[in-house]
Amino acid sequence: MGESVDKSLHLIKLCVGAETVQDLIDWQENPRAKGPDGVPRHVTRMWPKREAELLDGGSLFWVFKGVALCRQRIIRLDEVIRSDGIRRCGIVLDPNVVRVEGMPKRPFQGWRYLPGKDAPRDLAAGTANDDLPPKLVLALSEVGIR
């Protein structure tokens, strides 16, 4: 199996509007998904109070149709102020998307902290699940196949 990321604090978030990891990758190629430096970022209303822990090796885990399938390392948190004047948090992400073992996750709003001990492990390099439905990936992970 892949590398474990159990010593860090992470975030987990639903990947709204995407059905596959490839959908996320394609979206992040869009200039609207990037910050001024050209690196992907996700803008959220709330600023994580545990910023230092997240920036010490943390990742954002993405959930597709009830299954966490990938992660991206969090590079930094940027202040984003849009035309409404409200301060938001831009979670700046490593462009490298790492596939992880499927992990079930019930729907929730916003993001949540994910302790490293509870995070799914990385899949072996070159393993991709995009051609399989998320629920099948989860079933395969549960029996130790993917």
N, C-alpha and C. Protein backbone atom coordinates (compact mmCIF):
# COMPACT_ATOMS: atom_id res chain seq x y z
N MET A 1 0.83 -1.19 0.00
CA MET A 1 0.00 0.00 0.00
C MET A 1 0.87 1.24 0.00
N GLY A 2 0.22 2.38 0.02
CA GLY A 2 0.94 3.63 -0.11
C GLY A 2 1.40 4.22 1.21
N GLU A 3 1.93 5.41 1.11
CA GLU A 3 2.46 6.15 2.25
C GLU A 3 1.34 6.56 3.20
N SER A 4 1.62 6.55 4.47
CA SER A 4 0.67 7.02 5.46
C SER A 4 0.97 8.47 5.78
N VAL A 5 -0.06 9.24 6.04
CA VAL A 5 0.10 10.66 6.37
C VAL A 5 -0.42 10.91 7.78
N ASP A 6 -0.09 10.00 8.73
CA ASP A 6 -0.74 9.98 10.02
C ASP A 6 -0.23 10.96 11.06
N LYS A 7 0.79 11.73 10.80
CA LYS A 7 1.33 12.62 11.82
C LYS A 7 0.82 14.05 11.70
N SER A 8 0.09 14.36 10.67
CA SER A 8 -0.34 15.73 10.43
C SER A 8 -1.82 15.91 10.68
N LEU A 9 -2.22 17.17 10.70
CA LEU A 9 -3.63 17.53 10.75
C LEU A 9 -4.03 17.92 9.33
N HIS A 10 -5.19 17.48 8.91
CA HIS A 10 -5.65 17.71 7.55
C HIS A 10 -7.04 18.34 7.55
N LEU A 11 -7.49 18.70 6.37
CA LEU A 11 -8.87 19.12 6.15
C LEU A 11 -9.52 18.11 5.22
N ILE A 12 -10.83 17.97 5.33
CA ILE A 12 -11.58 17.14 4.40
C ILE A 12 -12.77 17.95 3.93
N LYS A 13 -13.07 17.83 2.62
CA LYS A 13 -14.12 18.66 2.02
C LYS A 13 -14.78 17.90 0.89
N LEU A 14 -16.09 18.13 0.73
CA LEU A 14 -16.80 17.56 -0.41
C LEU A 14 -16.34 18.28 -1.67
N CYS A 15 -16.15 17.53 -2.73
CA CYS A 15 -15.75 18.11 -4.01
C CYS A 15 -17.03 18.33 -4.82
N VAL A 16 -17.72 19.41 -4.50
CA VAL A 16 -19.02 19.71 -5.10
C VAL A 16 -18.86 20.00 -6.59
N GLY A 17 -19.71 19.40 -7.39
CA GLY A 17 -19.70 19.63 -8.83
C GLY A 17 -18.78 18.71 -9.60
N ALA A 18 -18.03 17.87 -8.90
CA ALA A 18 -17.12 16.93 -9.56
C ALA A 18 -17.55 15.51 -9.22
N GLU A 19 -17.51 14.65 -10.21
CA GLU A 19 -17.86 13.26 -9.98
C GLU A 19 -16.63 12.35 -9.89
N THR A 20 -15.51 12.81 -10.46
CA THR A 20 -14.30 12.01 -10.46
C THR A 20 -13.10 12.88 -10.10
N VAL A 21 -12.00 12.22 -9.77
CA VAL A 21 -10.77 12.95 -9.50
C VAL A 21 -10.34 13.72 -10.74
N GLN A 22 -10.53 13.14 -11.91
CA GLN A 22 -10.16 13.83 -13.15
C GLN A 22 -10.96 15.12 -13.32
N ASP A 23 -12.23 15.14 -12.89
CA ASP A 23 -13.03 16.37 -12.94
C ASP A 23 -12.36 17.47 -12.11
N LEU A 24 -11.86 17.10 -10.93
CA LEU A 24 -11.17 18.07 -10.06
C LEU A 24 -9.90 18.58 -10.75
N ILE A 25 -9.12 17.67 -11.31
CA ILE A 25 -7.88 18.05 -11.99
C ILE A 25 -8.19 18.99 -13.16
N ASP A 26 -9.22 18.65 -13.93
CA ASP A 26 -9.61 19.50 -15.06
C ASP A 26 -10.04 20.88 -14.59
N TRP A 27 -10.83 20.95 -13.50
CA TRP A 27 -11.28 22.23 -12.97
C TRP A 27 -10.08 23.07 -12.53
N GLN A 28 -9.11 22.45 -11.89
CA GLN A 28 -7.96 23.21 -11.38
C GLN A 28 -7.04 23.71 -12.48
N GLU A 29 -7.24 23.25 -13.71
CA GLU A 29 -6.51 23.80 -14.86
C GLU A 29 -7.13 25.13 -15.30
N ASN A 30 -8.35 25.38 -14.89
CA ASN A 30 -9.08 26.60 -15.24
C ASN A 30 -8.49 27.77 -14.46
N PRO A 31 -8.24 28.90 -15.12
CA PRO A 31 -7.70 30.07 -14.40
C PRO A 31 -8.56 30.52 -13.22
N ARG A 32 -9.87 30.28 -13.26
CA ARG A 32 -10.75 30.68 -12.15
C ARG A 32 -10.46 29.89 -10.87
N ALA A 33 -9.82 28.74 -11.00
CA ALA A 33 -9.51 27.90 -9.84
C ALA A 33 -8.12 28.19 -9.27
N LYS A 34 -7.44 29.17 -9.84
CA LYS A 34 -6.07 29.46 -9.43
C LYS A 34 -5.98 30.84 -8.79
N GLY A 35 -4.99 30.97 -7.92
CA GLY A 35 -4.72 32.26 -7.32
C GLY A 35 -3.88 33.10 -8.28
N PRO A 36 -3.51 34.31 -7.85
CA PRO A 36 -2.71 35.20 -8.70
C PRO A 36 -1.36 34.60 -9.10
N ASP A 37 -0.85 33.64 -8.30
CA ASP A 37 0.44 33.02 -8.62
C ASP A 37 0.30 31.81 -9.54
N GLY A 38 -0.94 31.51 -9.99
CA GLY A 38 -1.16 30.41 -10.91
C GLY A 38 -1.26 29.04 -10.26
N VAL A 39 -1.29 29.01 -8.93
CA VAL A 39 -1.37 27.74 -8.19
C VAL A 39 -2.83 27.53 -7.78
N PRO A 40 -3.32 26.27 -7.83
CA PRO A 40 -4.71 26.03 -7.44
C PRO A 40 -4.99 26.44 -6.01
N ARG A 41 -6.19 26.96 -5.81
CA ARG A 41 -6.62 27.29 -4.45
C ARG A 41 -8.12 27.09 -4.34
N HIS A 42 -8.54 26.81 -3.13
CA HIS A 42 -9.96 26.69 -2.85
C HIS A 42 -10.30 27.78 -1.84
N VAL A 43 -11.25 28.63 -2.18
CA VAL A 43 -11.63 29.74 -1.30
C VAL A 43 -12.82 29.31 -0.46
N THR A 44 -12.68 29.52 0.85
CA THR A 44 -13.71 29.13 1.80
C THR A 44 -14.00 30.30 2.74
N ARG A 45 -15.18 30.29 3.30
CA ARG A 45 -15.60 31.40 4.15
C ARG A 45 -14.86 31.43 5.48
N MET A 46 -14.63 30.25 6.05
CA MET A 46 -14.03 30.19 7.38
C MET A 46 -12.50 30.01 7.31
N TRP A 47 -11.82 30.66 8.24
CA TRP A 47 -10.36 30.53 8.34
C TRP A 47 -10.04 29.48 9.40
N PRO A 48 -9.25 28.45 9.08
CA PRO A 48 -8.94 27.42 10.09
C PRO A 48 -8.18 28.01 11.28
N LYS A 49 -8.67 27.71 12.48
CA LYS A 49 -8.00 28.19 13.69
C LYS A 49 -6.70 27.43 13.94
N ARG A 50 -6.58 26.24 13.37
CA ARG A 50 -5.40 25.40 13.59
C ARG A 50 -4.44 25.50 12.40
N GLU A 51 -4.27 26.71 11.92
CA GLU A 51 -3.47 26.99 10.72
C GLU A 51 -2.05 26.41 10.81
N ALA A 52 -1.36 26.63 11.91
CA ALA A 52 0.03 26.16 12.03
C ALA A 52 0.12 24.65 11.87
N GLU A 53 -0.83 23.92 12.44
CA GLU A 53 -0.82 22.46 12.33
C GLU A 53 -1.08 22.02 10.89
N LEU A 54 -1.99 22.70 10.21
CA LEU A 54 -2.30 22.36 8.82
C LEU A 54 -1.11 22.60 7.91
N LEU A 55 -0.38 23.67 8.18
CA LEU A 55 0.76 24.03 7.33
C LEU A 55 2.00 23.20 7.63
N ASP A 56 1.92 22.34 8.62
CA ASP A 56 3.04 21.46 8.97
C ASP A 56 2.81 20.07 8.37
N GLY A 57 2.59 20.03 7.05
CA GLY A 57 2.44 18.76 6.35
C GLY A 57 1.02 18.32 6.08
N GLY A 58 0.04 19.19 6.34
CA GLY A 58 -1.35 18.83 6.14
C GLY A 58 -1.78 18.85 4.68
N SER A 59 -2.86 18.13 4.40
CA SER A 59 -3.43 18.05 3.07
C SER A 59 -4.92 18.34 3.13
N LEU A 60 -5.50 18.65 1.98
CA LEU A 60 -6.94 18.75 1.82
C LEU A 60 -7.39 17.46 1.13
N PHE A 61 -8.21 16.68 1.81
CA PHE A 61 -8.76 15.45 1.25
C PHE A 61 -10.09 15.77 0.59
N TRP A 62 -10.27 15.30 -0.63
CA TRP A 62 -11.48 15.58 -1.41
C TRP A 62 -12.39 14.36 -1.41
N VAL A 63 -13.70 14.61 -1.17
CA VAL A 63 -14.72 13.57 -1.13
C VAL A 63 -15.60 13.68 -2.37
N PHE A 64 -15.73 12.56 -3.09
CA PHE A 64 -16.55 12.47 -4.29
C PHE A 64 -17.67 11.46 -4.05
N LYS A 65 -18.92 11.90 -4.15
CA LYS A 65 -20.07 10.99 -4.00
C LYS A 65 -19.95 10.09 -2.78
N GLY A 66 -19.57 10.68 -1.65
CA GLY A 66 -19.52 9.95 -0.40
C GLY A 66 -18.25 9.16 -0.13
N VAL A 67 -17.22 9.34 -0.98
CA VAL A 67 -15.97 8.60 -0.80
C VAL A 67 -14.78 9.55 -0.99
N ALA A 68 -13.88 9.59 0.00
CA ALA A 68 -12.64 10.36 -0.14
C ALA A 68 -11.74 9.58 -1.10
N LEU A 69 -11.28 10.24 -2.17
CA LEU A 69 -10.50 9.55 -3.21
C LEU A 69 -9.12 10.15 -3.46
N CYS A 70 -8.90 11.39 -3.00
CA CYS A 70 -7.59 12.01 -3.28
C CYS A 70 -7.31 13.10 -2.27
N ARG A 71 -6.07 13.59 -2.33
CA ARG A 71 -5.66 14.68 -1.45
C ARG A 71 -4.69 15.58 -2.19
N GLN A 72 -4.58 16.81 -1.68
CA GLN A 72 -3.56 17.74 -2.17
C GLN A 72 -2.93 18.39 -0.95
N ARG A 73 -1.62 18.48 -0.95
CA ARG A 73 -0.91 19.11 0.17
C ARG A 73 -1.28 20.59 0.24
N ILE A 74 -1.49 21.09 1.45
CA ILE A 74 -1.79 22.51 1.66
C ILE A 74 -0.47 23.26 1.71
N ILE A 75 -0.29 24.21 0.80
CA ILE A 75 0.95 24.99 0.73
C ILE A 75 0.92 26.17 1.69
N ARG A 76 -0.21 26.89 1.67
CA ARG A 76 -0.36 28.06 2.54
C ARG A 76 -1.83 28.48 2.56
N LEU A 77 -2.14 29.43 3.43
CA LEU A 77 -3.47 30.01 3.49
C LEU A 77 -3.34 31.49 3.16
N ASP A 78 -4.07 31.94 2.16
CA ASP A 78 -4.02 33.34 1.73
C ASP A 78 -5.32 34.05 2.08
N GLU A 79 -5.19 35.31 2.47
CA GLU A 79 -6.38 36.14 2.66
C GLU A 79 -6.94 36.49 1.29
N VAL A 80 -8.26 36.33 1.14
CA VAL A 80 -8.95 36.67 -0.11
C VAL A 80 -10.11 37.58 0.26
N ILE A 81 -10.11 38.79 -0.30
CA ILE A 81 -11.21 39.72 -0.08
C ILE A 81 -11.82 40.02 -1.44
N ARG A 82 -13.07 39.62 -1.59
CA ARG A 82 -13.77 39.82 -2.86
C ARG A 82 -14.53 41.13 -2.84
N SER A 83 -15.31 41.38 -3.88
CA SER A 83 -16.01 42.66 -4.03
C SER A 83 -16.98 42.95 -2.90
N ASP A 84 -17.42 41.94 -2.16
CA ASP A 84 -18.34 42.18 -1.04
C ASP A 84 -17.61 42.63 0.23
N GLY A 85 -16.26 42.66 0.18
CA GLY A 85 -15.46 43.13 1.30
C GLY A 85 -15.28 42.12 2.42
N ILE A 86 -15.81 40.92 2.26
CA ILE A 86 -15.70 39.90 3.30
C ILE A 86 -14.38 39.15 3.17
N ARG A 87 -13.70 38.98 4.32
CA ARG A 87 -12.43 38.26 4.36
C ARG A 87 -12.71 36.76 4.28
N ARG A 88 -12.02 36.10 3.35
CA ARG A 88 -12.14 34.66 3.18
C ARG A 88 -10.74 34.03 3.21
N CYS A 89 -10.73 32.71 3.28
CA CYS A 89 -9.47 31.97 3.32
C CYS A 89 -9.26 31.26 1.99
N GLY A 90 -8.16 31.55 1.34
CA GLY A 90 -7.77 30.84 0.13
C GLY A 90 -6.81 29.72 0.52
N ILE A 91 -7.28 28.48 0.43
CA ILE A 91 -6.43 27.33 0.75
C ILE A 91 -5.63 27.03 -0.51
N VAL A 92 -4.35 27.35 -0.48
CA VAL A 92 -3.48 27.18 -1.65
C VAL A 92 -2.95 25.75 -1.63
N LEU A 93 -3.13 25.06 -2.77
CA LEU A 93 -2.88 23.62 -2.85
C LEU A 93 -1.75 23.28 -3.81
N ASP A 94 -1.01 22.25 -3.45
CA ASP A 94 -0.01 21.69 -4.36
C ASP A 94 -0.78 21.18 -5.58
N PRO A 95 -0.34 21.51 -6.80
CA PRO A 95 -1.05 21.03 -7.99
C PRO A 95 -1.06 19.50 -8.12
N ASN A 96 -0.14 18.82 -7.45
CA ASN A 96 -0.07 17.36 -7.52
C ASN A 96 -1.23 16.75 -6.73
N VAL A 97 -2.08 16.01 -7.41
CA VAL A 97 -3.21 15.33 -6.78
C VAL A 97 -2.80 13.89 -6.50
N VAL A 98 -2.88 13.50 -5.23
CA VAL A 98 -2.45 12.17 -4.79
C VAL A 98 -3.69 11.32 -4.54
N ARG A 99 -3.79 10.18 -5.23
CA ARG A 99 -4.91 9.26 -5.01
C ARG A 99 -4.72 8.58 -3.67
N VAL A 100 -5.85 8.35 -2.97
CA VAL A 100 -5.81 7.68 -1.67
C VAL A 100 -6.79 6.50 -1.68
N GLU A 101 -6.60 5.61 -0.70
CA GLU A 101 -7.54 4.50 -0.54
C GLU A 101 -8.93 5.09 -0.29
N GLY A 102 -9.95 4.49 -0.87
CA GLY A 102 -11.30 5.00 -0.68
C GLY A 102 -11.72 4.96 0.78
N MET A 103 -12.29 6.08 1.26
CA MET A 103 -12.77 6.16 2.64
C MET A 103 -14.17 6.76 2.62
N PRO A 104 -15.16 6.07 3.21
CA PRO A 104 -16.51 6.62 3.20
C PRO A 104 -16.62 7.86 4.05
N LYS A 105 -17.46 8.79 3.60
CA LYS A 105 -17.67 10.02 4.35
C LYS A 105 -19.08 10.51 4.08
N ARG A 106 -19.84 10.69 5.13
CA ARG A 106 -21.20 11.20 4.99
C ARG A 106 -21.16 12.67 4.58
N PRO A 107 -22.24 13.15 3.96
CA PRO A 107 -22.28 14.56 3.55
C PRO A 107 -22.17 15.50 4.75
N PHE A 108 -21.53 16.63 4.52
CA PHE A 108 -21.39 17.67 5.53
C PHE A 108 -21.16 18.98 4.78
N GLN A 109 -21.31 20.09 5.48
CA GLN A 109 -21.10 21.38 4.85
C GLN A 109 -19.74 21.93 5.22
N GLY A 110 -19.17 22.71 4.31
CA GLY A 110 -17.87 23.32 4.56
C GLY A 110 -16.76 22.28 4.61
N TRP A 111 -15.76 22.54 5.44
CA TRP A 111 -14.67 21.60 5.61
C TRP A 111 -14.65 21.16 7.07
N ARG A 112 -13.94 20.08 7.32
CA ARG A 112 -13.76 19.56 8.68
C ARG A 112 -12.29 19.22 8.86
N TYR A 113 -11.84 19.28 10.11
CA TYR A 113 -10.49 18.78 10.41
C TYR A 113 -10.50 17.27 10.31
N LEU A 114 -9.37 16.73 9.88
CA LEU A 114 -9.20 15.28 9.77
C LEU A 114 -7.86 14.94 10.41
N PRO A 115 -7.87 14.30 11.59
CA PRO A 115 -6.60 13.90 12.21
C PRO A 115 -5.87 12.90 11.32
N GLY A 116 -4.57 13.01 11.27
CA GLY A 116 -3.78 12.13 10.43
C GLY A 116 -4.02 10.66 10.68
N LYS A 117 -4.26 10.28 11.94
CA LYS A 117 -4.50 8.87 12.26
C LYS A 117 -5.77 8.34 11.60
N ASP A 118 -6.68 9.23 11.23
CA ASP A 118 -7.95 8.83 10.61
C ASP A 118 -7.94 9.00 9.09
N ALA A 119 -6.86 9.52 8.54
CA ALA A 119 -6.79 9.80 7.10
C ALA A 119 -6.52 8.54 6.29
N PRO A 120 -7.13 8.45 5.11
CA PRO A 120 -6.84 7.30 4.25
C PRO A 120 -5.40 7.35 3.75
N ARG A 121 -4.83 6.18 3.51
CA ARG A 121 -3.45 6.10 3.04
C ARG A 121 -3.37 6.36 1.53
N ASP A 122 -2.22 6.84 1.12
CA ASP A 122 -1.96 7.07 -0.31
C ASP A 122 -1.96 5.73 -1.04
N LEU A 123 -2.45 5.75 -2.27
CA LEU A 123 -2.35 4.58 -3.14
C LEU A 123 -0.95 4.52 -3.72
N ALA A 124 -0.55 3.36 -4.14
CA ALA A 124 0.75 3.20 -4.79
C ALA A 124 0.80 4.08 -6.03
N ALA A 125 1.98 4.59 -6.34
CA ALA A 125 2.17 5.46 -7.50
C ALA A 125 1.65 4.76 -8.76
N GLY A 126 0.98 5.52 -9.60
CA GLY A 126 0.47 4.98 -10.86
C GLY A 126 -0.89 4.32 -10.74
N THR A 127 -1.42 4.22 -9.51
CA THR A 127 -2.75 3.64 -9.33
C THR A 127 -3.78 4.76 -9.41
N ALA A 128 -4.75 4.59 -10.26
CA ALA A 128 -5.81 5.58 -10.40
C ALA A 128 -7.15 4.89 -10.33
N ASN A 129 -8.14 5.60 -9.84
CA ASN A 129 -9.48 5.05 -9.69
C ASN A 129 -10.50 5.75 -10.58
N ASP A 130 -10.07 6.61 -11.48
CA ASP A 130 -11.02 7.42 -12.24
C ASP A 130 -11.97 6.62 -13.10
N ASP A 131 -11.58 5.43 -13.49
CA ASP A 131 -12.43 4.64 -14.36
C ASP A 131 -13.45 3.83 -13.56
N LEU A 132 -13.44 3.94 -12.24
CA LEU A 132 -14.36 3.19 -11.39
C LEU A 132 -15.27 4.13 -10.61
N PRO A 133 -16.52 3.73 -10.39
CA PRO A 133 -17.41 4.55 -9.55
C PRO A 133 -16.88 4.61 -8.11
N PRO A 134 -17.07 5.75 -7.42
CA PRO A 134 -16.54 5.90 -6.06
C PRO A 134 -16.95 4.77 -5.11
N LYS A 135 -18.18 4.30 -5.20
CA LYS A 135 -18.63 3.23 -4.29
C LYS A 135 -17.88 1.93 -4.56
N LEU A 136 -17.53 1.65 -5.81
CA LEU A 136 -16.76 0.45 -6.13
C LEU A 136 -15.33 0.59 -5.60
N VAL A 137 -14.75 1.78 -5.72
CA VAL A 137 -13.42 2.03 -5.16
C VAL A 137 -13.43 1.76 -3.67
N LEU A 138 -14.48 2.22 -2.99
CA LEU A 138 -14.60 2.00 -1.55
C LEU A 138 -14.67 0.50 -1.25
N ALA A 139 -15.48 -0.21 -1.98
CA ALA A 139 -15.61 -1.66 -1.76
C ALA A 139 -14.28 -2.37 -1.98
N LEU A 140 -13.55 -2.00 -3.00
CA LEU A 140 -12.24 -2.61 -3.26
C LEU A 140 -11.25 -2.28 -2.15
N SER A 141 -11.30 -1.04 -1.66
CA SER A 141 -10.40 -0.65 -0.56
C SER A 141 -10.70 -1.46 0.69
N GLU A 142 -11.99 -1.69 0.94
CA GLU A 142 -12.37 -2.42 2.15
C GLU A 142 -11.86 -3.85 2.15
N VAL A 143 -11.70 -4.45 0.97
CA VAL A 143 -11.18 -5.82 0.91
C VAL A 143 -9.68 -5.85 0.59
N GLY A 144 -9.05 -4.66 0.57
CA GLY A 144 -7.60 -4.59 0.40
C GLY A 144 -7.08 -4.72 -1.01
N ILE A 145 -7.96 -4.48 -2.00
CA ILE A 145 -7.52 -4.60 -3.39
C ILE A 145 -6.98 -3.28 -3.93
N ARG A 146 -7.56 -2.16 -3.54
CA ARG A 146 -7.09 -0.85 -4.03
C ARG A 146 -6.98 0.10 -2.88
